[in-house]
């Protein structure tokens, strides 16, 4: 563990200047690239003008303003930064609060870790924003947060300003603990069945609805001028659920099976809220019409399945079939390593389902932006949007494509050539830290050995000290008599 921490510290020192060198991005012109706008076609030999972190102009004949920084992208491709709708990076500690069935009071935003190296690694895969989710151990889990991958910035600067917060729900094997056996001696947690999961969610919203009514009545009476009112008791577990009822917080629901997806749609209709996205949703193709009619989106895997029973009916055509039926669909990672190749994950739906190249790109750009409510600022290359961009050396949907630069708000947070140039410095620093660690360990071992040798040389007793008599009660010349051999022996 210590070695891992030392290496991470070295990477922070070596790589942080990539993110912090341009504190005021000013004006930047990316020129001579194939610009994949997503919303209005591709522009050959195109340029993108960036001012103060925003896209100021897009076209084929843009000129660099005086003093602008020019990025020559000849032969390269520029696309909107990738948005991962299901991620667990940048979290300090576990993402699961597995004790209570309803853990809506827990908030991922409180434990963001800006030093997580996966932020930088995902930048190297063209990812600029991610939906950071609580785990799936609870029918109603913790609160979620959308972040920008601003590597080198403090935790307070990671959240995507203006993005609506979310909350994680979960259906199926995980919340009913099929995959997490209860340890011996521990009382099993309710629920342990699929119908129990449904009732936990329903009961929580019955409580939230009543709680909301209490506050609405209180606020109404207060507005009417009533005096000496006592407000209802604040319940931090129900506050986020009230926000769901009021449309102020998105529901992102972990799910697999078609029957459970339909169940949650019914529960949502019962209480008057919407599920924003069904996450994983591997049987979404079976009920795509119903999902589309509910207004929910689907954020799925490209081709993961058969890793547990409820994933056995998954097919690689899922994303394409849901898209064709009108479901706003994205492809997510749920994995830090997978996030580095989401461009290829999206491309699989061209083979499995026949999506066009532009529709495949939407799976990782505009569609997840819509699902997270940030499409006015991200997801496509349009004037006025944030300059969150990924520059590839080949068509991003090619297996040969490698990210050259990743920009967030007009700043270069990842530069492949700079990264390569810094690797020797990083390796030297890493080796220096390891040498220091090894030397410290050897010195500690030598000191312990010296202490042990000195201890062995010390006499057992001080000079002139008499040896203590044995304490077993035997006659040892001290006048004591062993009662086992004396008159008292008959007492046995």
Protein backbone atom coordinates (compact mmCIF):
# COMPACT_ATOMS: atom_id res chain seq x y z
CA UNK A 1 0.00 0.00 0.00
CA UNK A 2 2.80 2.41 0.86
CA UNK A 3 4.43 1.91 -2.51
CA UNK A 4 1.17 2.68 -4.29
CA UNK A 5 0.78 5.91 -2.34
CA UNK A 6 4.33 6.99 -3.14
CA UNK A 7 3.86 6.35 -6.84
CA UNK A 8 0.60 8.27 -6.89
CA UNK A 9 2.26 11.23 -5.18
CA UNK A 10 4.98 11.20 -7.82
CA UNK A 11 2.43 11.23 -10.59
CA UNK A 12 0.62 14.14 -8.98
CA UNK A 13 3.82 16.17 -8.89
CA UNK A 14 4.80 15.36 -12.46
CA UNK A 15 1.42 15.63 -14.11
CA UNK A 16 -0.29 18.48 -12.26
CA UNK A 17 1.28 21.19 -14.48
CA UNK A 18 -0.70 19.83 -17.43
CA UNK A 19 -3.89 21.01 -15.76
CA UNK A 20 -2.66 24.13 -14.02
CA UNK A 21 -0.25 25.73 -16.45
CA UNK A 22 -2.95 27.69 -18.29
CA UNK A 23 -4.92 29.30 -15.50
CA UNK A 24 -6.46 31.80 -17.94
CA UNK A 25 -7.09 29.91 -21.17
CA UNK A 26 -7.91 33.12 -23.06
CA UNK A 27 -8.34 32.53 -26.79
CA UNK A 28 -7.52 29.26 -28.52
CA UNK A 29 -7.95 28.19 -32.15
CA UNK A 30 -7.97 24.49 -33.04
CA UNK A 31 -7.48 24.37 -36.79
CA UNK A 32 -7.20 22.01 -39.78
CA UNK A 33 -9.11 19.18 -38.08
CA UNK A 34 -12.07 17.02 -39.01
CA UNK A 35 -14.64 18.44 -36.61
CA UNK A 36 -17.33 15.97 -35.51
CA UNK A 37 -20.02 18.33 -34.24
CA UNK A 38 -22.62 15.57 -33.53
CA UNK A 39 -25.49 18.05 -34.05
CA UNK A 40 -24.76 19.53 -37.49
CA UNK A 41 -22.53 17.11 -39.34
CA UNK A 42 -18.79 16.88 -39.84
CA UNK A 43 -16.57 19.72 -41.00
CA UNK A 44 -13.51 18.78 -43.02
CA UNK A 45 -10.48 21.03 -42.47
CA UNK A 46 -12.51 22.72 -39.78
CA UNK A 47 -11.60 25.00 -36.92
CA UNK A 48 -12.95 25.72 -33.46
CA UNK A 49 -12.45 29.09 -31.81
CA UNK A 50 -12.49 29.10 -28.00
CA UNK A 51 -12.81 32.20 -25.85
CA UNK A 52 -12.75 32.09 -22.06
CA UNK A 53 -13.57 28.41 -21.95
CA UNK A 54 -16.55 28.59 -24.33
CA UNK A 55 -16.90 27.66 -28.01
CA UNK A 56 -17.04 31.02 -29.81
CA UNK A 57 -17.12 29.84 -33.43
CA UNK A 58 -17.03 26.66 -35.52
CA UNK A 59 -16.32 26.57 -39.24
CA UNK A 60 -14.00 25.83 -42.13
CA UNK A 61 -12.36 29.22 -42.64
CA UNK A 62 -11.72 30.65 -39.20
CA UNK A 63 -8.70 32.87 -38.66
CA UNK A 64 -6.70 33.03 -35.46
CA UNK A 65 -7.27 36.30 -33.59
CA UNK A 66 -4.17 38.20 -32.54
CA UNK A 67 -2.55 36.65 -29.50
CA UNK A 68 -4.53 33.41 -29.74
CA UNK A 69 -2.94 30.07 -28.93
CA UNK A 70 -3.10 27.88 -32.04
CA UNK A 71 -3.41 24.10 -31.88
CA UNK A 72 -2.63 22.58 -35.28
CA UNK A 73 -4.78 19.45 -35.58
CA UNK A 74 -3.93 18.60 -39.18
CA UNK A 75 -5.01 15.03 -39.92
CA UNK A 76 -6.71 14.73 -36.56
CA UNK A 77 -10.34 14.52 -35.38
CA UNK A 78 -12.05 16.71 -32.80
CA UNK A 79 -15.19 15.49 -31.06
CA UNK A 80 -17.15 16.61 -27.99
CA UNK A 81 -15.66 15.36 -24.74
CA UNK A 82 -16.97 11.95 -23.75
CA UNK A 83 -19.56 11.90 -20.96
CA UNK A 84 -19.72 8.77 -18.81
CA UNK A 85 -23.22 8.40 -17.35
CA UNK A 86 -22.22 5.70 -14.84
CA UNK A 87 -18.90 5.98 -13.03
CA UNK A 88 -17.45 5.35 -9.56
CA UNK A 89 -14.10 7.12 -9.91
CA UNK A 90 -12.91 9.99 -7.69
CA UNK A 91 -14.54 8.57 -4.55
CA UNK A 92 -12.66 8.34 -1.26
CA UNK A 93 -13.48 4.89 0.11
CA UNK A 94 -16.30 2.51 -0.75
CA UNK A 95 -19.29 3.61 -2.84
CA UNK A 96 -21.72 1.40 -0.88
CA UNK A 97 -23.45 2.18 2.41
CA UNK A 98 -24.76 -1.34 2.75
CA UNK A 99 -26.36 -1.23 6.22
CA UNK A 100 -29.77 0.44 5.80
CA UNK A 101 -32.10 -0.39 2.93
CA UNK A 102 -32.61 3.35 2.34
CA UNK A 103 -29.38 5.38 2.48
CA UNK A 104 -30.59 8.53 0.72
CA UNK A 105 -28.88 10.69 3.35
CA UNK A 106 -25.41 9.62 2.12
CA UNK A 107 -23.89 11.96 -0.47
CA UNK A 108 -21.10 11.14 -2.91
CA UNK A 109 -20.32 14.88 -3.23
CA UNK A 110 -19.01 14.81 0.34
CA UNK A 111 -16.28 12.27 -0.44
CA UNK A 112 -14.92 13.36 -3.82
CA UNK A 113 -11.22 12.55 -4.13
CA UNK A 114 -9.47 14.88 -6.62
CA UNK A 115 -6.23 12.89 -6.31
CA UNK A 116 -7.70 9.68 -7.75
CA UNK A 117 -5.36 8.80 -10.62
CA UNK A 118 -8.33 7.39 -12.55
CA UNK A 119 -9.38 10.98 -13.26
CA UNK A 120 -6.20 11.51 -15.26
CA UNK A 121 -6.36 8.11 -16.91
CA UNK A 122 -9.94 8.69 -18.03
CA UNK A 123 -8.91 12.08 -19.43
CA UNK A 124 -6.43 10.13 -21.52
CA UNK A 125 -9.45 8.32 -22.97
CA UNK A 126 -11.21 11.55 -23.93
CA UNK A 127 -13.64 11.62 -20.99
CA UNK A 128 -14.43 15.14 -19.76
CA UNK A 129 -17.47 14.59 -17.51
CA UNK A 130 -18.87 11.72 -15.46
CA UNK A 131 -21.90 10.90 -13.34
CA UNK A 132 -20.44 9.66 -10.04
CA UNK A 133 -22.86 7.20 -8.47
CA UNK A 134 -23.41 5.56 -5.11
CA UNK A 135 -23.29 1.76 -5.16
CA UNK A 136 -26.16 -0.68 -5.71
CA UNK A 137 -26.43 -2.38 -2.31
CA UNK A 138 -29.62 -0.49 -1.40
CA UNK A 139 -33.07 -0.23 -3.03
CA UNK A 140 -32.61 3.52 -2.48
CA UNK A 141 -28.96 4.43 -2.29
CA UNK A 142 -27.02 7.64 -1.84
CA UNK A 143 -27.00 10.96 -3.65
CA UNK A 144 -24.98 11.30 -6.86
CA UNK A 145 -23.01 14.13 -8.45
CA UNK A 146 -21.92 15.04 -11.99
CA UNK A 147 -18.28 16.14 -12.20
CA UNK A 148 -15.85 17.50 -14.74
CA UNK A 149 -12.52 15.71 -14.76
CA UNK A 150 -10.49 18.79 -13.79
CA UNK A 151 -7.31 16.95 -12.84
CA UNK A 152 -5.17 18.98 -10.48
CA UNK A 153 -8.07 20.99 -9.09
CA UNK A 154 -9.43 20.66 -5.54
CA UNK A 155 -12.56 18.63 -4.84
CA UNK A 156 -14.65 21.80 -4.62
CA UNK A 157 -13.96 22.50 -8.32
CA UNK A 158 -14.89 19.06 -9.65
CA UNK A 159 -18.73 19.30 -9.63
CA UNK A 160 -20.37 20.35 -12.90
CA UNK A 161 -21.92 23.66 -11.92
CA UNK A 162 -25.64 23.76 -12.65
CA UNK A 163 -26.04 20.02 -13.17
CA UNK A 164 -29.08 18.69 -11.34
CA UNK A 165 -28.12 16.28 -8.52
CA UNK A 166 -29.23 12.68 -8.63
CA UNK A 167 -29.89 9.67 -6.42
CA UNK A 168 -29.11 6.02 -6.98
CA UNK A 169 -31.83 3.36 -6.90
CA UNK A 170 -31.15 -0.35 -7.38
CA UNK A 171 -33.25 -3.37 -8.32
CA UNK A 172 -32.55 -7.08 -8.40
CA UNK A 173 -29.79 -9.23 -7.01
CA UNK A 174 -27.61 -6.53 -5.44
CA UNK A 175 -30.13 -4.80 -3.15
CA UNK A 176 -31.72 -8.09 -2.10
CA UNK A 177 -28.20 -9.30 -1.31
CA UNK A 178 -28.16 -12.39 -3.49
CA UNK A 179 -24.50 -11.64 -4.17
CA UNK A 180 -23.61 -10.59 -0.62
CA UNK A 181 -24.32 -13.49 1.79
CA UNK A 182 -25.11 -12.43 5.34
CA UNK A 183 -22.22 -13.38 7.65
CA UNK A 184 -22.93 -15.97 10.37
CA UNK A 185 -24.47 -14.44 13.46
CA UNK A 186 -25.70 -11.33 11.65
CA UNK A 187 -29.43 -10.75 11.21
CA UNK A 188 -30.28 -10.66 7.48
CA UNK A 189 -31.33 -7.23 6.24
CA UNK A 190 -34.75 -6.64 4.76
CA UNK A 191 -35.39 -6.88 1.83
CA UNK A 192 -34.27 -10.29 0.66
CA UNK A 193 -36.65 -10.61 -2.30
CA UNK A 194 -37.56 -8.63 -5.40
CA UNK A 195 -41.02 -7.83 -4.07
CA UNK A 196 -39.37 -6.63 -0.86
CA UNK A 197 -37.23 -4.22 -2.89
CA UNK A 198 -40.38 -2.80 -4.47
CA UNK A 199 -42.06 -2.33 -1.09
CA UNK A 200 -39.00 -0.61 0.42
CA UNK A 201 -39.13 1.96 -2.38
CA UNK A 202 -42.91 2.36 -2.10
CA UNK A 203 -42.83 2.79 1.69
CA UNK A 204 -40.03 5.36 1.46
CA UNK A 205 -42.11 7.47 -0.92
CA UNK A 206 -45.24 7.11 1.23
CA UNK A 207 -43.18 8.63 4.06
CA UNK A 208 -41.67 11.26 1.76
CA UNK A 209 -45.11 12.27 0.47
CA UNK A 210 -46.45 12.73 4.00
CA UNK A 211 -43.28 14.57 5.03
CA UNK A 212 -43.64 16.88 2.04
CA UNK A 213 -47.27 17.56 2.96
CA UNK A 214 -46.25 18.55 6.48
CA UNK A 215 -43.73 21.04 5.15
CA UNK A 216 -46.10 22.36 2.48
CA UNK A 217 -48.78 22.96 5.15
CA UNK A 218 -46.26 24.66 7.42
CA UNK A 219 -44.92 26.92 4.65
CA UNK A 220 -48.44 27.79 3.51
CA UNK A 221 -49.50 28.79 7.04
CA UNK A 222 -46.27 30.72 7.53
CA UNK A 223 -46.84 32.62 4.27
CA UNK A 224 -50.36 33.43 5.43
CA UNK A 225 -48.94 35.15 8.50
CA UNK A 226 -49.58 32.53 11.17
CA UNK A 227 -47.55 33.10 14.33
CA UNK A 228 -45.68 30.81 16.74
CA UNK A 229 -45.54 27.92 14.30
CA UNK A 230 -43.32 24.94 15.03
CA UNK A 231 -41.74 23.55 11.84
CA UNK A 232 -41.82 19.82 11.16
CA UNK A 233 -38.80 17.84 12.27
CA UNK A 234 -36.13 17.78 9.57
CA UNK A 235 -35.44 14.30 8.13
CA UNK A 236 -32.26 14.15 6.05
CA UNK A 237 -33.28 10.70 4.77
CA UNK A 238 -36.51 12.03 3.27
CA UNK A 239 -35.27 15.42 2.02
CA UNK A 240 -33.70 13.96 -1.16
CA UNK A 241 -36.86 11.95 -1.89
CA UNK A 242 -38.96 15.10 -1.61
CA UNK A 243 -36.61 16.66 -4.17
CA UNK A 244 -37.36 13.68 -6.43
CA UNK A 245 -41.10 14.30 -6.02
CA UNK A 246 -40.55 17.97 -6.86
CA UNK A 247 -38.44 17.22 -9.94
CA UNK A 248 -35.32 18.71 -8.41
CA UNK A 249 -33.30 15.48 -8.25
CA UNK A 250 -32.85 12.79 -10.91
CA UNK A 251 -33.36 9.08 -10.25
CA UNK A 252 -30.71 6.79 -11.75
CA UNK A 253 -31.83 3.18 -11.27
CA UNK A 254 -29.54 0.16 -11.43
CA UNK A 255 -31.52 -2.64 -13.10
CA UNK A 256 -31.37 -5.65 -15.39
CA UNK A 257 -34.67 -7.49 -15.81
CA UNK A 258 -37.64 -6.26 -17.82
CA UNK A 259 -40.19 -7.10 -15.11
CA UNK A 260 -38.37 -5.00 -12.52
CA UNK A 261 -37.97 -2.07 -14.89
CA UNK A 262 -41.73 -2.10 -15.47
CA UNK A 263 -42.28 -2.34 -11.71
CA UNK A 264 -40.27 0.83 -11.02
CA UNK A 265 -42.09 2.67 -13.81
CA UNK A 266 -45.38 1.76 -12.10
CA UNK A 267 -44.13 2.91 -8.69
CA UNK A 268 -42.87 6.17 -10.21
CA UNK A 269 -46.24 6.76 -11.85
CA UNK A 270 -47.97 6.03 -8.55
CA UNK A 271 -46.06 8.83 -6.80
CA UNK A 272 -45.80 11.20 -9.73
CA UNK A 273 -42.05 11.24 -10.39
CA UNK A 274 -39.92 10.22 -13.36
CA UNK A 275 -37.00 7.82 -13.56
CA UNK A 276 -34.32 9.76 -15.42
CA UNK A 277 -32.19 6.79 -16.46
CA UNK A 278 -32.28 3.05 -16.14
CA UNK A 279 -28.65 2.04 -15.62
CA UNK A 280 -27.29 -1.18 -17.17
CA UNK A 281 -30.87 -1.95 -18.34
CA UNK A 282 -29.67 -5.11 -20.13
CA UNK A 283 -33.20 -6.27 -20.93
CA UNK A 284 -34.25 -2.83 -22.11
CA UNK A 285 -34.65 -4.09 -25.68
CA UNK A 286 -37.58 -6.24 -24.51
CA UNK A 287 -39.61 -3.25 -23.27
CA UNK A 288 -38.09 -0.34 -25.18
CA UNK A 289 -41.52 1.07 -26.09
CA UNK A 290 -42.57 1.19 -22.44
CA UNK A 291 -39.30 2.84 -21.39
CA UNK A 292 -39.64 5.45 -24.13
CA UNK A 293 -43.26 6.15 -23.15
CA UNK A 294 -42.20 6.71 -19.53
CA UNK A 295 -39.71 9.36 -20.59
CA UNK A 296 -36.75 7.51 -19.07
CA UNK A 297 -33.39 7.05 -20.72
CA UNK A 298 -31.28 3.91 -20.84
CA UNK A 299 -27.57 3.84 -20.02
CA UNK A 300 -26.22 0.43 -20.90
CA UNK A 301 -23.12 -1.67 -21.52
CA UNK A 302 -22.03 -2.41 -25.05
CA UNK A 303 -21.48 -6.14 -24.63
CA UNK A 304 -21.16 -7.20 -20.99
CA UNK A 305 -23.35 -10.09 -19.90
CA UNK A 306 -23.53 -13.53 -18.26
CA UNK A 307 -21.55 -12.42 -15.20
CA UNK A 308 -24.61 -13.16 -13.03
CA UNK A 309 -28.04 -14.73 -13.50
CA UNK A 310 -30.01 -11.55 -14.16
CA UNK A 311 -27.55 -10.56 -16.91
CA UNK A 312 -28.01 -13.71 -18.98
CA UNK A 313 -30.56 -12.28 -21.42
CA UNK A 314 -28.35 -9.36 -22.45
CA UNK A 315 -27.52 -8.92 -26.14
CA UNK A 316 -25.06 -6.60 -27.93
CA UNK A 317 -27.94 -5.11 -29.94
CA UNK A 318 -29.48 -3.55 -26.83
CA UNK A 319 -28.25 0.02 -27.36
CA UNK A 320 -29.25 0.07 -31.04
CA UNK A 321 -32.69 -1.46 -30.43
CA UNK A 322 -33.52 0.99 -27.65
CA UNK A 323 -32.32 3.87 -29.82
CA UNK A 324 -34.53 2.75 -32.70
CA UNK A 325 -37.57 2.64 -30.39
CA UNK A 326 -37.05 6.22 -29.21
CA UNK A 327 -35.19 5.71 -25.93
CA UNK A 328 -32.44 8.26 -25.27
CA UNK A 329 -29.60 5.77 -24.92
CA UNK A 330 -26.01 6.04 -23.76
CA UNK A 331 -23.14 3.59 -23.31
CA UNK A 332 -21.38 3.82 -19.95
CA UNK A 333 -18.35 2.29 -18.29
CA UNK A 334 -19.14 1.45 -14.62
CA UNK A 335 -15.40 0.84 -14.57
CA UNK A 336 -12.36 3.13 -14.57
CA UNK A 337 -10.53 1.03 -17.15
CA UNK A 338 -13.56 0.71 -19.45
CA UNK A 339 -13.99 4.48 -19.42
CA UNK A 340 -10.69 4.84 -21.28
CA UNK A 341 -12.16 3.19 -24.36
CA UNK A 342 -15.76 4.35 -24.43
CA UNK A 343 -15.23 5.52 -28.01
CA UNK A 344 -14.73 1.88 -29.01
CA UNK A 345 -17.64 0.75 -26.82
CA UNK A 346 -19.88 3.13 -28.75
CA UNK A 347 -18.54 1.91 -32.08
CA UNK A 348 -19.69 -1.65 -31.31
CA UNK A 349 -23.29 -0.56 -31.90
CA UNK A 350 -22.39 0.12 -35.53
CA UNK A 351 -21.62 -3.58 -35.91
CA UNK A 352 -24.32 -4.81 -33.55
CA UNK A 353 -27.40 -2.92 -34.66
CA UNK A 354 -26.22 -0.91 -37.64
CA UNK A 355 -26.20 2.53 -36.02
CA UNK A 356 -24.70 5.33 -38.09
CA UNK A 357 -21.36 6.77 -37.03
CA UNK A 358 -23.05 9.92 -35.76
CA UNK A 359 -25.65 7.99 -33.74
CA UNK A 360 -22.83 5.90 -32.27
CA UNK A 361 -21.04 9.09 -31.20
CA UNK A 362 -24.25 10.32 -29.57
CA UNK A 363 -24.15 7.30 -27.26
CA UNK A 364 -21.17 8.84 -25.44
CA UNK A 365 -21.71 12.57 -26.00
CA UNK A 366 -25.08 14.22 -26.58
CA UNK A 367 -27.28 11.41 -25.23
CA UNK A 368 -25.61 11.15 -21.80
CA UNK A 369 -25.60 14.96 -21.67
CA UNK A 370 -29.39 14.89 -22.14
CA UNK A 371 -29.73 12.17 -19.50
CA UNK A 372 -27.81 14.31 -17.01
CA UNK A 373 -29.57 17.54 -17.96
CA UNK A 374 -26.38 19.26 -19.16
CA UNK A 375 -27.04 19.26 -22.92
CA UNK A 376 -27.16 23.08 -23.04
CA UNK A 377 -23.47 23.13 -22.11
CA UNK A 378 -21.99 19.81 -23.24
CA UNK A 379 -22.41 16.87 -25.61
CA UNK A 380 -21.86 18.59 -28.98
CA UNK A 381 -19.64 21.17 -30.66
CA UNK A 382 -21.90 24.20 -30.82
CA UNK A 383 -21.33 27.90 -30.28
CA UNK A 384 -21.93 28.87 -26.65
CA UNK A 385 -21.24 25.45 -25.16
CA UNK A 386 -18.34 24.68 -22.84
CA UNK A 387 -15.12 23.92 -24.69
CA UNK A 388 -14.96 20.30 -23.50
CA UNK A 389 -13.26 18.52 -26.39
CA UNK A 390 -11.24 15.43 -27.27
CA UNK A 391 -8.71 15.44 -30.12
CA UNK A 392 -7.92 12.03 -31.66
CA UNK A 393 -5.20 11.04 -34.11
CA UNK A 394 -7.68 8.87 -36.07
CA UNK A 395 -11.45 8.65 -36.40
CA UNK A 396 -12.62 8.17 -32.78
CA UNK A 397 -14.72 5.16 -33.78
CA UNK A 398 -11.62 3.33 -35.01
CA UNK A 399 -9.73 0.84 -32.85
CA UNK A 400 -6.56 2.68 -33.85
CA UNK A 401 -7.72 6.01 -32.43
CA UNK A 402 -5.65 7.51 -29.61
CA UNK A 403 -6.40 10.73 -27.75
CA UNK A 404 -3.84 13.47 -28.39
CA UNK A 405 -5.39 16.19 -26.24
CA UNK A 406 -8.37 16.55 -23.92
CA UNK A 407 -9.71 20.01 -23.11
CA UNK A 408 -12.14 21.06 -20.39
CA UNK A 409 -13.38 24.66 -20.33
CA UNK A 410 -10.75 25.45 -22.96
CA UNK A 411 -7.85 24.18 -20.81
CA UNK A 412 -5.67 21.29 -21.91
CA UNK A 413 -5.92 18.75 -19.09
CA UNK A 414 -4.31 15.93 -21.04
CA UNK A 415 -1.60 16.23 -23.70
CA UNK A 416 -0.22 12.96 -25.00
CA UNK A 417 3.07 14.38 -26.22
CA UNK A 418 3.68 16.21 -22.96
CA UNK A 419 2.79 13.05 -21.06
CA UNK A 420 5.31 11.02 -23.04
CA UNK A 421 7.99 13.67 -22.52
CA UNK A 422 7.43 13.61 -18.76
CA UNK A 423 7.58 9.85 -18.38
CA UNK A 424 11.37 9.72 -17.92
CA UNK A 425 11.15 12.43 -15.24
CA UNK A 426 8.31 10.55 -13.60
CA UNK A 427 10.25 7.27 -13.70
CA UNK A 428 13.28 8.95 -12.13
CA UNK A 429 11.20 10.46 -9.36
CA UNK A 430 9.43 7.19 -8.74
CA UNK A 431 12.74 5.32 -8.47
CA UNK A 432 14.09 7.98 -6.11
CA UNK A 433 11.08 7.55 -3.83
CA UNK A 434 11.42 3.78 -3.92
CA UNK A 435 15.12 4.04 -3.08
CA UNK A 436 14.30 6.27 -0.13
CA UNK A 437 11.67 3.81 1.01
CA UNK A 438 14.12 0.90 0.71
CA UNK A 439 16.85 2.79 2.55
CA UNK A 440 14.48 3.75 5.35
CA UNK A 441 13.37 0.12 5.69
CA UNK A 442 16.99 -1.10 5.83
CA UNK A 443 17.89 1.51 8.45
CA UNK A 444 14.90 0.53 10.55
CA UNK A 445 15.83 -3.15 10.29
CA UNK A 446 19.45 -2.40 11.30
CA UNK A 447 18.26 -0.36 14.29
CA UNK A 448 15.97 -3.18 15.43
CA UNK A 449 18.81 -5.68 15.13
CA UNK A 450 21.11 -3.43 17.16
CA UNK A 451 18.48 -3.05 19.85
CA UNK A 452 18.00 -6.83 20.04
CA UNK A 453 21.77 -7.43 20.32
CA UNK A 454 22.10 -4.89 23.15
CA UNK A 455 19.20 -6.53 24.95
CA UNK A 456 20.88 -9.96 24.77
CA UNK A 457 24.10 -8.60 26.32
CA UNK A 458 22.34 -7.29 29.46
CA UNK A 459 22.60 -9.57 32.62
CA UNK A 460 19.46 -11.26 33.89
CA UNK A 461 19.82 -9.65 37.38
CA UNK A 462 21.53 -6.72 38.96
CA UNK A 463 24.84 -7.35 40.82
CA UNK A 464 24.24 -8.56 44.42
CA UNK A 465 20.54 -9.26 43.76
CA UNK A 466 19.35 -12.47 45.51
CA UNK A 467 17.52 -15.04 43.50
CA UNK A 468 13.82 -15.10 44.32
CA UNK A 469 12.51 -18.32 45.89
CA UNK A 470 10.19 -20.45 43.80
CA UNK A 471 6.51 -19.73 44.23
CA UNK A 472 5.20 -23.29 44.11
CA UNK A 473 4.92 -23.78 47.93
CA UNK A 474 7.72 -26.42 48.18
CA UNK A 475 10.12 -26.57 51.16
CA UNK A 476 13.05 -24.62 49.77
CA UNK A 477 14.93 -23.75 52.94
CA UNK A 478 12.78 -20.71 53.64
CA UNK A 479 10.79 -22.48 56.41
CA UNK A 480 7.72 -23.02 54.22
CA UNK A 481 6.24 -26.49 54.09
CA UNK A 482 4.51 -28.06 51.14
CA UNK A 483 1.07 -28.82 52.50
CA UNK A 484 0.76 -31.71 50.08
CA UNK A 485 3.53 -33.48 52.01
CA UNK A 486 2.61 -32.19 55.53
CA UNK A 487 -0.13 -32.76 58.07
CA UNK A 488 -2.56 -30.71 56.10
CA UNK A 489 -2.33 -33.17 53.25
CA UNK A 490 -5.22 -35.17 54.69
CA UNK A 491 -7.54 -32.34 53.81
CA UNK A 492 -7.83 -33.72 50.29
